[in-house]
Amino acid sequence: MNQEVISAKKKPRVRDRIFAAACELFYRHGVRAVGVDAIVSEADTNKMSFYRAFASKDDLVAAYVRHEVEEGLAHWEATLESYKGDPLAQTRALFKAHRVETCAQASRGCPLSNVAVELSETQHPAKAIIEEYKAEMRQRFRRLAGEMGAPNADALGDTLMLLWEGAYLSPLTFYDRSGPAQNVVNAAEAVIKAFVPEQARSAH
């Protein structure tokens, strides 16, 4: 087979290259700081190809946000599936994985919260997607809290979500990754112990 044909088959589609480049640049530098020129340069393409793939940069930002939502929910579901029927173990597993993620050297915080801050004064379509996702996460934490046997499941769920969101902020100011996110698993355990009676914890 012709070598050029082989290379063409291996090379990702232009749209995929643009999207992958944008995801990386948006997370590293922010959606406002990254322009179309930087994206097409990183993707090794041109503006004409960009606008064939995406109607606008706003359209691309919304696609990026939807992708991050899908990734977040898929990770959540996969983690819970590994400890099906045991909400306490599920919660511990979620926070252990979260500690690894937030303490990684490449961590730049929550991609969705970062976008929300940048777009706070706009009517960007991505904002509604982020708001819906965060509301869904709040309900998921509250549901887990109820399944663990917390008498005040809403309060425990909200507290766990605050820990979760707070851990995302840790690497933004503790550059050596020695910040509070290191202790997010222990903090979650302490909160659960405070909210969930021992008898309910023992049942799991």
N, C-alpha and C. Protein backbone atom coordinates (compact mmCIF):
# COMPACT_ATOMS: atom_id res chain seq x y z
N MET A 1 0.84 -1.20 0.00
CA MET A 1 0.00 0.00 0.00
C MET A 1 0.87 1.24 0.00
N ASN A 2 0.45 2.25 -0.71
CA ASN A 2 1.19 3.50 -0.81
C ASN A 2 1.38 4.09 0.59
N GLN A 3 2.61 4.58 0.88
CA GLN A 3 2.94 5.11 2.21
C GLN A 3 2.07 6.31 2.56
N GLU A 4 1.75 7.13 1.56
CA GLU A 4 0.91 8.31 1.81
C GLU A 4 -0.50 7.90 2.24
N VAL A 5 -0.98 6.81 1.64
CA VAL A 5 -2.31 6.31 1.99
C VAL A 5 -2.30 5.79 3.42
N ILE A 6 -1.23 5.07 3.79
CA ILE A 6 -1.10 4.55 5.16
C ILE A 6 -1.08 5.70 6.15
N SER A 7 -0.31 6.75 5.86
CA SER A 7 -0.21 7.89 6.76
C SER A 7 -1.55 8.59 6.92
N ALA A 8 -2.26 8.71 5.80
CA ALA A 8 -3.56 9.38 5.83
C ALA A 8 -4.55 8.62 6.70
N LYS A 9 -4.46 7.26 6.64
CA LYS A 9 -5.37 6.45 7.44
C LYS A 9 -5.07 6.57 8.93
N LYS A 10 -3.80 6.72 9.27
CA LYS A 10 -3.40 6.80 10.66
C LYS A 10 -3.67 8.18 11.25
N LYS A 11 -3.63 9.22 10.43
CA LYS A 11 -3.78 10.58 10.91
C LYS A 11 -5.23 10.86 11.31
N PRO A 12 -5.47 11.39 12.52
CA PRO A 12 -6.84 11.68 12.95
C PRO A 12 -7.53 12.68 12.03
N ARG A 13 -8.84 12.63 12.01
CA ARG A 13 -9.61 13.59 11.22
C ARG A 13 -9.31 15.00 11.70
N VAL A 14 -9.46 15.96 10.77
CA VAL A 14 -9.17 17.36 11.10
C VAL A 14 -9.99 17.82 12.30
N ARG A 15 -11.29 17.49 12.30
CA ARG A 15 -12.14 17.92 13.41
C ARG A 15 -11.64 17.36 14.74
N ASP A 16 -11.22 16.10 14.73
CA ASP A 16 -10.72 15.47 15.95
C ASP A 16 -9.42 16.13 16.42
N ARG A 17 -8.57 16.49 15.47
CA ARG A 17 -7.32 17.17 15.83
C ARG A 17 -7.60 18.55 16.43
N ILE A 18 -8.53 19.25 15.83
CA ILE A 18 -8.89 20.57 16.34
C ILE A 18 -9.46 20.45 17.75
N PHE A 19 -10.34 19.49 17.93
CA PHE A 19 -10.98 19.32 19.24
C PHE A 19 -9.96 18.91 20.30
N ALA A 20 -9.10 17.98 19.98
CA ALA A 20 -8.08 17.53 20.93
C ALA A 20 -7.14 18.67 21.31
N ALA A 21 -6.74 19.45 20.32
CA ALA A 21 -5.85 20.60 20.58
C ALA A 21 -6.55 21.62 21.46
N ALA A 22 -7.81 21.89 21.17
CA ALA A 22 -8.57 22.87 21.94
C ALA A 22 -8.74 22.41 23.39
N CYS A 23 -9.05 21.16 23.59
CA CYS A 23 -9.22 20.63 24.96
C CYS A 23 -7.96 20.83 25.78
N GLU A 24 -6.83 20.52 25.19
CA GLU A 24 -5.55 20.67 25.88
C GLU A 24 -5.26 22.14 26.18
N LEU A 25 -5.43 23.00 25.19
CA LEU A 25 -5.12 24.42 25.35
C LEU A 25 -6.10 25.11 26.29
N PHE A 26 -7.37 24.78 26.19
CA PHE A 26 -8.36 25.39 27.07
C PHE A 26 -8.07 25.06 28.53
N TYR A 27 -7.73 23.80 28.77
CA TYR A 27 -7.48 23.39 30.16
C TYR A 27 -6.20 24.03 30.69
N ARG A 28 -5.20 24.12 29.85
CA ARG A 28 -3.91 24.64 30.30
C ARG A 28 -3.90 26.15 30.44
N HIS A 29 -4.59 26.85 29.53
CA HIS A 29 -4.47 28.31 29.48
C HIS A 29 -5.78 29.07 29.67
N GLY A 30 -6.92 28.38 29.57
CA GLY A 30 -8.20 29.05 29.71
C GLY A 30 -8.86 29.32 28.37
N VAL A 31 -10.18 29.38 28.37
CA VAL A 31 -10.90 29.52 27.10
C VAL A 31 -10.78 30.91 26.50
N ARG A 32 -10.62 31.92 27.34
CA ARG A 32 -10.50 33.28 26.82
C ARG A 32 -9.10 33.56 26.27
N ALA A 33 -8.10 32.97 26.90
CA ALA A 33 -6.72 33.25 26.48
C ALA A 33 -6.36 32.56 25.18
N VAL A 34 -7.08 31.51 24.83
CA VAL A 34 -6.75 30.70 23.65
C VAL A 34 -7.65 31.12 22.48
N GLY A 35 -7.02 31.58 21.41
CA GLY A 35 -7.77 31.98 20.23
C GLY A 35 -7.76 30.92 19.15
N VAL A 36 -8.50 31.18 18.11
CA VAL A 36 -8.58 30.24 16.99
C VAL A 36 -7.21 30.02 16.36
N ASP A 37 -6.41 31.07 16.26
CA ASP A 37 -5.07 30.94 15.66
C ASP A 37 -4.23 29.91 16.40
N ALA A 38 -4.25 29.99 17.73
CA ALA A 38 -3.46 29.04 18.53
C ALA A 38 -3.97 27.61 18.36
N ILE A 39 -5.28 27.47 18.27
CA ILE A 39 -5.87 26.13 18.14
C ILE A 39 -5.49 25.50 16.80
N VAL A 40 -5.64 26.25 15.70
CA VAL A 40 -5.33 25.66 14.39
C VAL A 40 -3.85 25.39 14.24
N SER A 41 -3.03 26.21 14.89
CA SER A 41 -1.59 25.97 14.84
C SER A 41 -1.24 24.67 15.58
N GLU A 42 -1.82 24.50 16.75
CA GLU A 42 -1.57 23.28 17.54
C GLU A 42 -2.09 22.05 16.82
N ALA A 43 -3.20 22.21 16.09
CA ALA A 43 -3.84 21.08 15.39
C ALA A 43 -3.25 20.86 13.99
N ASP A 44 -2.30 21.71 13.61
CA ASP A 44 -1.66 21.61 12.30
C ASP A 44 -2.70 21.67 11.17
N THR A 45 -3.54 22.73 11.24
CA THR A 45 -4.55 22.92 10.19
C THR A 45 -4.71 24.41 9.94
N ASN A 46 -5.86 24.84 9.45
CA ASN A 46 -6.06 26.26 9.13
C ASN A 46 -7.46 26.70 9.54
N LYS A 47 -7.70 28.00 9.45
CA LYS A 47 -8.99 28.54 9.89
C LYS A 47 -10.16 28.05 9.05
N MET A 48 -9.91 27.85 7.77
CA MET A 48 -10.99 27.36 6.91
C MET A 48 -11.48 26.00 7.42
N SER A 49 -10.54 25.13 7.75
CA SER A 49 -10.91 23.81 8.28
C SER A 49 -11.59 23.94 9.64
N PHE A 50 -11.11 24.89 10.43
CA PHE A 50 -11.73 25.11 11.75
C PHE A 50 -13.21 25.43 11.60
N TYR A 51 -13.53 26.39 10.72
CA TYR A 51 -14.92 26.84 10.60
C TYR A 51 -15.79 25.86 9.81
N ARG A 52 -15.16 24.91 9.16
CA ARG A 52 -15.94 23.80 8.60
C ARG A 52 -16.39 22.85 9.72
N ALA A 53 -15.52 22.71 10.71
CA ALA A 53 -15.78 21.77 11.80
C ALA A 53 -16.65 22.37 12.90
N PHE A 54 -16.45 23.65 13.18
CA PHE A 54 -17.18 24.32 14.26
C PHE A 54 -17.69 25.67 13.77
N ALA A 55 -18.93 25.97 14.12
CA ALA A 55 -19.54 27.22 13.65
C ALA A 55 -18.83 28.45 14.19
N SER A 56 -18.27 28.32 15.39
CA SER A 56 -17.59 29.44 16.04
C SER A 56 -16.73 28.91 17.18
N LYS A 57 -15.95 29.79 17.77
CA LYS A 57 -15.17 29.38 18.94
C LYS A 57 -16.12 29.06 20.10
N ASP A 58 -17.22 29.82 20.24
CA ASP A 58 -18.20 29.54 21.29
C ASP A 58 -18.77 28.13 21.14
N ASP A 59 -18.99 27.73 19.90
CA ASP A 59 -19.49 26.38 19.63
C ASP A 59 -18.47 25.34 20.08
N LEU A 60 -17.21 25.61 19.86
CA LEU A 60 -16.14 24.70 20.28
C LEU A 60 -16.04 24.65 21.80
N VAL A 61 -16.15 25.79 22.46
CA VAL A 61 -16.11 25.82 23.92
C VAL A 61 -17.26 25.00 24.51
N ALA A 62 -18.44 25.13 23.93
CA ALA A 62 -19.59 24.35 24.40
C ALA A 62 -19.35 22.85 24.21
N ALA A 63 -18.73 22.49 23.09
CA ALA A 63 -18.41 21.08 22.83
C ALA A 63 -17.39 20.57 23.85
N TYR A 64 -16.41 21.40 24.18
CA TYR A 64 -15.41 21.07 25.19
C TYR A 64 -16.07 20.81 26.54
N VAL A 65 -16.98 21.68 26.92
CA VAL A 65 -17.68 21.55 28.19
C VAL A 65 -18.53 20.27 28.21
N ARG A 66 -19.25 20.01 27.13
CA ARG A 66 -20.05 18.78 27.06
C ARG A 66 -19.17 17.54 27.18
N HIS A 67 -18.00 17.58 26.55
CA HIS A 67 -17.05 16.46 26.63
C HIS A 67 -16.60 16.24 28.07
N GLU A 68 -16.28 17.32 28.78
CA GLU A 68 -15.83 17.19 30.17
C GLU A 68 -16.94 16.66 31.06
N VAL A 69 -18.17 17.05 30.78
CA VAL A 69 -19.31 16.53 31.53
C VAL A 69 -19.44 15.02 31.32
N GLU A 70 -19.37 14.60 30.07
CA GLU A 70 -19.47 13.17 29.75
C GLU A 70 -18.35 12.38 30.42
N GLU A 71 -17.13 12.93 30.40
CA GLU A 71 -16.00 12.25 31.04
C GLU A 71 -16.22 12.14 32.55
N GLY A 72 -16.68 13.22 33.15
CA GLY A 72 -16.90 13.22 34.59
C GLY A 72 -17.95 12.21 35.02
N LEU A 73 -19.06 12.17 34.29
CA LEU A 73 -20.13 11.23 34.63
C LEU A 73 -19.72 9.78 34.38
N ALA A 74 -18.96 9.56 33.31
CA ALA A 74 -18.49 8.20 33.01
C ALA A 74 -17.55 7.71 34.11
N HIS A 75 -16.67 8.58 34.58
CA HIS A 75 -15.75 8.21 35.66
C HIS A 75 -16.54 7.89 36.93
N TRP A 76 -17.52 8.70 37.24
CA TRP A 76 -18.36 8.48 38.42
C TRP A 76 -19.05 7.12 38.35
N GLU A 77 -19.68 6.84 37.22
CA GLU A 77 -20.43 5.59 37.06
C GLU A 77 -19.50 4.38 37.14
N ALA A 78 -18.32 4.49 36.52
CA ALA A 78 -17.37 3.37 36.54
C ALA A 78 -16.90 3.09 37.96
N THR A 79 -16.66 4.14 38.73
CA THR A 79 -16.20 3.97 40.10
C THR A 79 -17.28 3.33 40.96
N LEU A 80 -18.51 3.81 40.82
CA LEU A 80 -19.61 3.24 41.61
C LEU A 80 -19.88 1.78 41.23
N GLU A 81 -19.74 1.47 39.96
CA GLU A 81 -20.00 0.10 39.50
C GLU A 81 -19.03 -0.89 40.14
N SER A 82 -17.81 -0.44 40.42
CA SER A 82 -16.81 -1.31 41.03
C SER A 82 -17.16 -1.68 42.47
N TYR A 83 -18.01 -0.88 43.11
CA TYR A 83 -18.39 -1.13 44.50
C TYR A 83 -19.91 -1.13 44.63
N LYS A 84 -20.56 -1.76 43.69
CA LYS A 84 -22.02 -1.75 43.60
C LYS A 84 -22.65 -2.27 44.90
N GLY A 85 -23.64 -1.53 45.39
CA GLY A 85 -24.36 -1.96 46.58
C GLY A 85 -23.71 -1.53 47.89
N ASP A 86 -22.56 -0.85 47.81
CA ASP A 86 -21.86 -0.42 49.03
C ASP A 86 -21.56 1.08 48.92
N PRO A 87 -22.51 1.94 49.31
CA PRO A 87 -22.33 3.38 49.13
C PRO A 87 -21.15 3.97 49.89
N LEU A 88 -20.81 3.38 51.03
CA LEU A 88 -19.66 3.87 51.79
C LEU A 88 -18.37 3.60 51.02
N ALA A 89 -18.23 2.38 50.49
CA ALA A 89 -17.05 2.04 49.70
C ALA A 89 -17.02 2.86 48.41
N GLN A 90 -18.18 3.11 47.83
CA GLN A 90 -18.25 3.92 46.61
C GLN A 90 -17.73 5.33 46.88
N THR A 91 -18.16 5.91 47.99
CA THR A 91 -17.75 7.27 48.33
C THR A 91 -16.25 7.32 48.61
N ARG A 92 -15.74 6.35 49.33
CA ARG A 92 -14.30 6.30 49.60
C ARG A 92 -13.51 6.19 48.30
N ALA A 93 -13.99 5.34 47.39
CA ALA A 93 -13.30 5.15 46.11
C ALA A 93 -13.31 6.44 45.28
N LEU A 94 -14.43 7.13 45.30
CA LEU A 94 -14.51 8.40 44.57
C LEU A 94 -13.48 9.39 45.09
N PHE A 95 -13.37 9.52 46.39
CA PHE A 95 -12.44 10.49 46.96
C PHE A 95 -10.99 10.07 46.83
N LYS A 96 -10.73 8.77 46.85
CA LYS A 96 -9.35 8.32 46.61
C LYS A 96 -8.91 8.65 45.19
N ALA A 97 -9.81 8.42 44.24
CA ALA A 97 -9.50 8.76 42.85
C ALA A 97 -9.37 10.28 42.68
N HIS A 98 -10.19 11.01 43.40
CA HIS A 98 -10.16 12.48 43.32
C HIS A 98 -8.84 13.03 43.86
N ARG A 99 -8.35 12.40 44.92
CA ARG A 99 -7.06 12.82 45.48
C ARG A 99 -5.95 12.64 44.45
N VAL A 100 -5.96 11.50 43.78
CA VAL A 100 -4.94 11.24 42.75
C VAL A 100 -5.03 12.30 41.64
N GLU A 101 -6.25 12.58 41.22
CA GLU A 101 -6.44 13.54 40.13
C GLU A 101 -6.00 14.94 40.52
N THR A 102 -6.44 15.41 41.68
CA THR A 102 -6.17 16.79 42.06
C THR A 102 -4.73 17.02 42.51
N CYS A 103 -4.05 15.96 42.91
CA CYS A 103 -2.65 16.10 43.34
C CYS A 103 -1.67 15.82 42.22
N ALA A 104 -2.17 15.46 41.06
CA ALA A 104 -1.29 15.21 39.92
C ALA A 104 -0.62 16.52 39.48
N GLN A 105 0.60 16.41 39.01
CA GLN A 105 1.34 17.60 38.61
C GLN A 105 0.65 18.37 37.48
N ALA A 106 -0.07 17.66 36.63
CA ALA A 106 -0.73 18.30 35.49
C ALA A 106 -2.06 18.94 35.86
N SER A 107 -2.51 18.78 37.10
CA SER A 107 -3.83 19.29 37.48
C SER A 107 -3.88 20.82 37.44
N ARG A 108 -4.92 21.33 36.84
CA ARG A 108 -5.18 22.77 36.81
C ARG A 108 -6.57 23.06 37.38
N GLY A 109 -7.03 22.20 38.26
CA GLY A 109 -8.34 22.38 38.86
C GLY A 109 -9.45 21.77 38.03
N CYS A 110 -10.67 22.13 38.37
CA CYS A 110 -11.85 21.60 37.67
C CYS A 110 -12.02 22.33 36.34
N PRO A 111 -11.99 21.62 35.22
CA PRO A 111 -12.11 22.29 33.93
C PRO A 111 -13.42 23.04 33.78
N LEU A 112 -14.49 22.51 34.36
CA LEU A 112 -15.80 23.15 34.24
C LEU A 112 -15.90 24.40 35.10
N SER A 113 -15.40 24.34 36.31
CA SER A 113 -15.40 25.53 37.17
C SER A 113 -14.51 26.62 36.58
N ASN A 114 -13.40 26.21 36.00
CA ASN A 114 -12.51 27.19 35.37
C ASN A 114 -13.23 27.95 34.26
N VAL A 115 -13.96 27.21 33.43
CA VAL A 115 -14.72 27.85 32.35
C VAL A 115 -15.81 28.74 32.91
N ALA A 116 -16.49 28.26 33.95
CA ALA A 116 -17.58 29.04 34.55
C ALA A 116 -17.08 30.39 35.06
N VAL A 117 -15.91 30.40 35.67
CA VAL A 117 -15.34 31.66 36.16
C VAL A 117 -15.04 32.61 35.00
N GLU A 118 -14.48 32.06 33.94
CA GLU A 118 -14.14 32.91 32.79
C GLU A 118 -15.37 33.47 32.09
N LEU A 119 -16.46 32.73 32.15
CA LEU A 119 -17.67 33.15 31.41
C LEU A 119 -18.74 33.72 32.33
N SER A 120 -18.36 34.07 33.55
CA SER A 120 -19.36 34.47 34.56
C SER A 120 -20.18 35.68 34.15
N GLU A 121 -19.64 36.58 33.35
CA GLU A 121 -20.36 37.80 32.99
C GLU A 121 -20.92 37.74 31.57
N THR A 122 -21.02 36.57 31.03
CA THR A 122 -21.51 36.43 29.66
C THR A 122 -22.78 35.56 29.63
N GLN A 123 -23.40 35.48 28.47
CA GLN A 123 -24.56 34.61 28.27
C GLN A 123 -24.16 33.40 27.43
N HIS A 124 -22.96 32.95 27.62
CA HIS A 124 -22.41 31.85 26.82
C HIS A 124 -23.24 30.58 27.03
N PRO A 125 -23.49 29.82 25.96
CA PRO A 125 -24.28 28.58 26.08
C PRO A 125 -23.64 27.52 26.97
N ALA A 126 -22.33 27.58 27.14
CA ALA A 126 -21.66 26.59 27.99
C ALA A 126 -22.04 26.74 29.46
N LYS A 127 -22.45 27.93 29.86
CA LYS A 127 -22.77 28.15 31.28
C LYS A 127 -23.93 27.28 31.75
N ALA A 128 -24.94 27.14 30.92
CA ALA A 128 -26.10 26.33 31.29
C ALA A 128 -25.72 24.86 31.43
N ILE A 129 -24.81 24.40 30.58
CA ILE A 129 -24.35 23.01 30.65
C ILE A 129 -23.62 22.77 31.97
N ILE A 130 -22.77 23.72 32.34
CA ILE A 130 -22.00 23.59 33.58
C ILE A 130 -22.93 23.63 34.79
N GLU A 131 -23.86 24.56 34.78
CA GLU A 131 -24.81 24.68 35.89
C GLU A 131 -25.60 23.39 36.08
N GLU A 132 -26.06 22.82 34.99
CA GLU A 132 -26.82 21.58 35.05
C GLU A 132 -25.97 20.43 35.60
N TYR A 133 -24.71 20.38 35.17
CA TYR A 133 -23.82 19.32 35.63
C TYR A 133 -23.55 19.44 37.13
N LYS A 134 -23.26 20.64 37.59
CA LYS A 134 -22.96 20.83 39.01
C LYS A 134 -24.18 20.50 39.87
N ALA A 135 -25.36 20.86 39.38
CA ALA A 135 -26.59 20.51 40.10
C ALA A 135 -26.78 19.00 40.16
N GLU A 136 -26.45 18.32 39.06
CA GLU A 136 -26.53 16.86 39.02
C GLU A 136 -25.55 16.24 40.01
N MET A 137 -24.33 16.77 40.07
CA MET A 137 -23.34 16.25 41.01
C MET A 137 -23.80 16.44 42.45
N ARG A 138 -24.41 17.59 42.73
CA ARG A 138 -24.93 17.83 44.08
C ARG A 138 -25.96 16.77 44.45
N GLN A 139 -26.86 16.46 43.54
CA GLN A 139 -27.88 15.45 43.80
C GLN A 139 -27.25 14.07 43.98
N ARG A 140 -26.21 13.80 43.23
CA ARG A 140 -25.54 12.49 43.35
C ARG A 140 -24.88 12.33 44.72
N PHE A 141 -24.23 13.39 45.21
CA PHE A 141 -23.62 13.32 46.54
C PHE A 141 -24.70 13.16 47.61
N ARG A 142 -25.80 13.87 47.44
CA ARG A 142 -26.89 13.76 48.41
C ARG A 142 -27.49 12.35 48.40
N ARG A 143 -27.60 11.77 47.21
CA ARG A 143 -28.14 10.41 47.10
C ARG A 143 -27.21 9.41 47.78
N LEU A 144 -25.92 9.55 47.56
CA LEU A 144 -24.95 8.66 48.23
C LEU A 144 -25.06 8.80 49.74
N ALA A 145 -25.19 10.04 50.20
CA ALA A 145 -25.30 10.29 51.64
C ALA A 145 -26.52 9.58 52.22
N GLY A 146 -27.63 9.63 51.51
CA GLY A 146 -28.83 8.94 51.96
C GLY A 146 -28.65 7.44 51.99
N GLU A 147 -27.98 6.92 50.98
CA GLU A 147 -27.74 5.48 50.90
C GLU A 147 -26.79 5.01 52.00
N MET A 148 -25.92 5.92 52.47
CA MET A 148 -25.01 5.56 53.57
C MET A 148 -25.73 5.56 54.91
N GLY A 149 -26.94 6.13 54.95
CA GLY A 149 -27.71 6.13 56.20
C GLY A 149 -27.64 7.42 56.98
N ALA A 150 -27.23 8.51 56.34
CA ALA A 150 -27.16 9.80 57.04
C ALA A 150 -28.56 10.33 57.32
N PRO A 151 -28.86 10.67 58.57
CA PRO A 151 -30.18 11.24 58.89
C PRO A 151 -30.44 12.54 58.13
N ASN A 152 -29.38 13.35 57.97
CA ASN A 152 -29.50 14.59 57.20
C ASN A 152 -28.66 14.43 55.93
N ALA A 153 -29.22 13.71 54.98
CA ALA A 153 -28.47 13.37 53.76
C ALA A 153 -28.11 14.59 52.93
N ASP A 154 -28.99 15.57 52.90
CA ASP A 154 -28.70 16.77 52.09
C ASP A 154 -27.49 17.52 52.64
N ALA A 155 -27.43 17.63 53.96
CA ALA A 155 -26.30 18.34 54.57
C ALA A 155 -24.99 17.60 54.34
N LEU A 156 -25.01 16.27 54.50
CA LEU A 156 -23.79 15.50 54.26
C LEU A 156 -23.40 15.57 52.79
N GLY A 157 -24.37 15.43 51.90
CA GLY A 157 -24.08 15.50 50.48
C GLY A 157 -23.45 16.82 50.09
N ASP A 158 -24.00 17.91 50.61
CA ASP A 158 -23.45 19.22 50.29
C ASP A 158 -22.04 19.38 50.86
N THR A 159 -21.81 18.84 52.05
CA THR A 159 -20.48 18.93 52.66
C THR A 159 -19.46 18.14 51.86
N LEU A 160 -19.85 16.96 51.40
CA LEU A 160 -18.94 16.16 50.57
C LEU A 160 -18.63 16.88 49.25
N MET A 161 -19.65 17.53 48.69
CA MET A 161 -19.40 18.25 47.44
C MET A 161 -18.47 19.45 47.67
N LEU A 162 -18.60 20.12 48.81
CA LEU A 162 -17.69 21.22 49.12
C LEU A 162 -16.25 20.73 49.24
N LEU A 163 -16.07 19.57 49.85
CA LEU A 163 -14.73 18.97 49.93
C LEU A 163 -14.20 18.67 48.52
N TRP A 164 -15.07 18.11 47.70
CA TRP A 164 -14.73 17.75 46.33
C TRP A 164 -14.28 18.97 45.53
N GLU A 165 -15.09 20.02 45.60
CA GLU A 165 -14.78 21.25 44.86
C GLU A 165 -13.54 21.93 45.44
N GLY A 166 -13.41 21.91 46.76
CA GLY A 166 -12.25 22.53 47.39
C GLY A 166 -10.95 21.85 47.00
N ALA A 167 -10.98 20.53 46.88
CA ALA A 167 -9.77 19.80 46.47
C ALA A 167 -9.30 20.24 45.09
N TYR A 168 -10.25 20.58 44.23
CA TYR A 168 -9.90 21.05 42.89
C TYR A 168 -9.09 22.35 42.93
N LEU A 169 -9.33 23.17 43.95
CA LEU A 169 -8.65 24.47 44.04
C LEU A 169 -7.23 24.34 44.58
N SER A 170 -6.97 23.28 45.32
CA SER A 170 -5.69 23.12 45.99
C SER A 170 -4.47 23.27 45.07
N PRO A 171 -4.42 22.60 43.90
CA PRO A 171 -3.22 22.71 43.07
C PRO A 171 -3.03 24.08 42.41
N LEU A 172 -4.05 24.92 42.47
CA LEU A 172 -3.94 26.24 41.84
C LEU A 172 -3.09 27.20 42.67
N THR A 173 -2.93 26.88 43.96
CA THR A 173 -2.12 27.74 44.82
C THR A 173 -0.98 27.00 45.52
N PHE A 174 -1.12 25.69 45.66
CA PHE A 174 -0.04 24.87 46.23
C PHE A 174 0.66 24.17 45.07
N TYR A 175 1.62 24.86 44.48
CA TYR A 175 2.20 24.39 43.22
C TYR A 175 3.00 23.09 43.36
N ASP A 176 3.49 22.81 44.58
CA ASP A 176 4.24 21.56 44.78
C ASP A 176 3.32 20.40 45.13
N ARG A 177 2.01 20.66 45.07
CA ARG A 177 0.97 19.65 45.33
C ARG A 177 0.97 19.15 46.77
N SER A 178 1.41 20.03 47.70
CA SER A 178 1.43 19.65 49.11
C SER A 178 0.23 20.21 49.85
N GLY A 179 -0.76 20.73 49.12
CA GLY A 179 -1.89 21.40 49.73
C GLY A 179 -2.92 20.48 50.36
N PRO A 180 -4.04 21.06 50.77
CA PRO A 180 -5.09 20.30 51.48
C PRO A 180 -5.66 19.13 50.70
N ALA A 181 -5.57 19.15 49.38
CA ALA A 181 -6.10 18.03 48.60
C ALA A 181 -5.45 16.71 48.99
N GLN A 182 -4.23 16.77 49.54
CA GLN A 182 -3.57 15.56 50.00
C GLN A 182 -4.39 14.85 51.06
N ASN A 183 -5.18 15.63 51.81
CA ASN A 183 -5.93 15.06 52.94
C ASN A 183 -7.43 14.93 52.66
N VAL A 184 -7.81 15.02 51.39
CA VAL A 184 -9.25 15.03 51.10
C VAL A 184 -9.93 13.70 51.45
N VAL A 185 -9.20 12.60 51.35
CA VAL A 185 -9.79 11.30 51.70
C VAL A 185 -10.07 11.24 53.20
N ASN A 186 -9.08 11.66 54.01
CA ASN A 186 -9.27 11.66 55.47
C ASN A 186 -10.39 12.63 55.87
N ALA A 187 -10.45 13.76 55.17
CA ALA A 187 -11.49 14.75 55.48
C ALA A 187 -12.88 14.17 55.17
N ALA A 188 -12.99 13.47 54.06
CA ALA A 188 -14.27 12.85 53.71
C ALA A 188 -14.66 11.80 54.74
N GLU A 189 -13.69 11.01 55.18
CA GLU A 189 -13.96 9.99 56.21
C GLU A 189 -14.47 10.64 57.50
N ALA A 190 -13.83 11.75 57.90
CA ALA A 190 -14.22 12.43 59.13
C ALA A 190 -15.63 13.00 59.03
N VAL A 191 -15.95 13.55 57.87
CA VAL A 191 -17.28 14.12 57.66
C VAL A 191 -18.35 13.01 57.69
N ILE A 192 -18.06 11.91 57.03
CA ILE A 192 -19.01 10.79 57.01
C ILE A 192 -19.23 10.27 58.43
N LYS A 193 -18.14 10.16 59.19
CA LYS A 193 -18.24 9.68 60.58
C LYS A 193 -19.10 10.61 61.42
N ALA A 194 -19.00 11.92 61.15
CA ALA A 194 -19.77 12.90 61.91
C ALA A 194 -21.26 12.87 61.56
N PHE A 195 -21.57 12.53 60.33
CA PHE A 195 -22.96 12.59 59.87
C PHE A 195 -23.69 11.24 59.90
N VAL A 196 -22.94 10.15 59.74
CA VAL A 196 -23.58 8.83 59.62
C VAL A 196 -23.39 8.05 60.92
N PRO A 197 -24.47 7.62 61.54
CA PRO A 197 -24.35 6.84 62.79
C PRO A 197 -23.49 5.59 62.59
N GLU A 198 -22.81 5.20 63.66
CA GLU A 198 -21.90 4.04 63.58
C GLU A 198 -22.63 2.79 63.13
N GLN A 199 -23.85 2.61 63.58
CA GLN A 199 -24.60 1.40 63.21
C GLN A 199 -24.83 1.35 61.69
N ALA A 200 -25.12 2.50 61.10
CA ALA A 200 -25.34 2.55 59.66
C ALA A 200 -24.04 2.31 58.91
N ARG A 201 -22.93 2.86 59.44
CA ARG A 201 -21.62 2.64 58.78
C ARG A 201 -21.23 1.18 58.86
N SER A 202 -21.52 0.53 59.98
CA SER A 202 -21.14 -0.88 60.17
C SER A 202 -21.91 -1.80 59.25
N ALA A 203 -23.06 -1.35 58.82
CA ALA A 203 -23.91 -2.20 57.97
C ALA A 203 -23.36 -2.33 56.57
N HIS A 204 -22.43 -1.47 56.19
CA HIS A 204 -21.90 -1.50 54.82
C HIS A 204 -20.59 -2.28 54.77
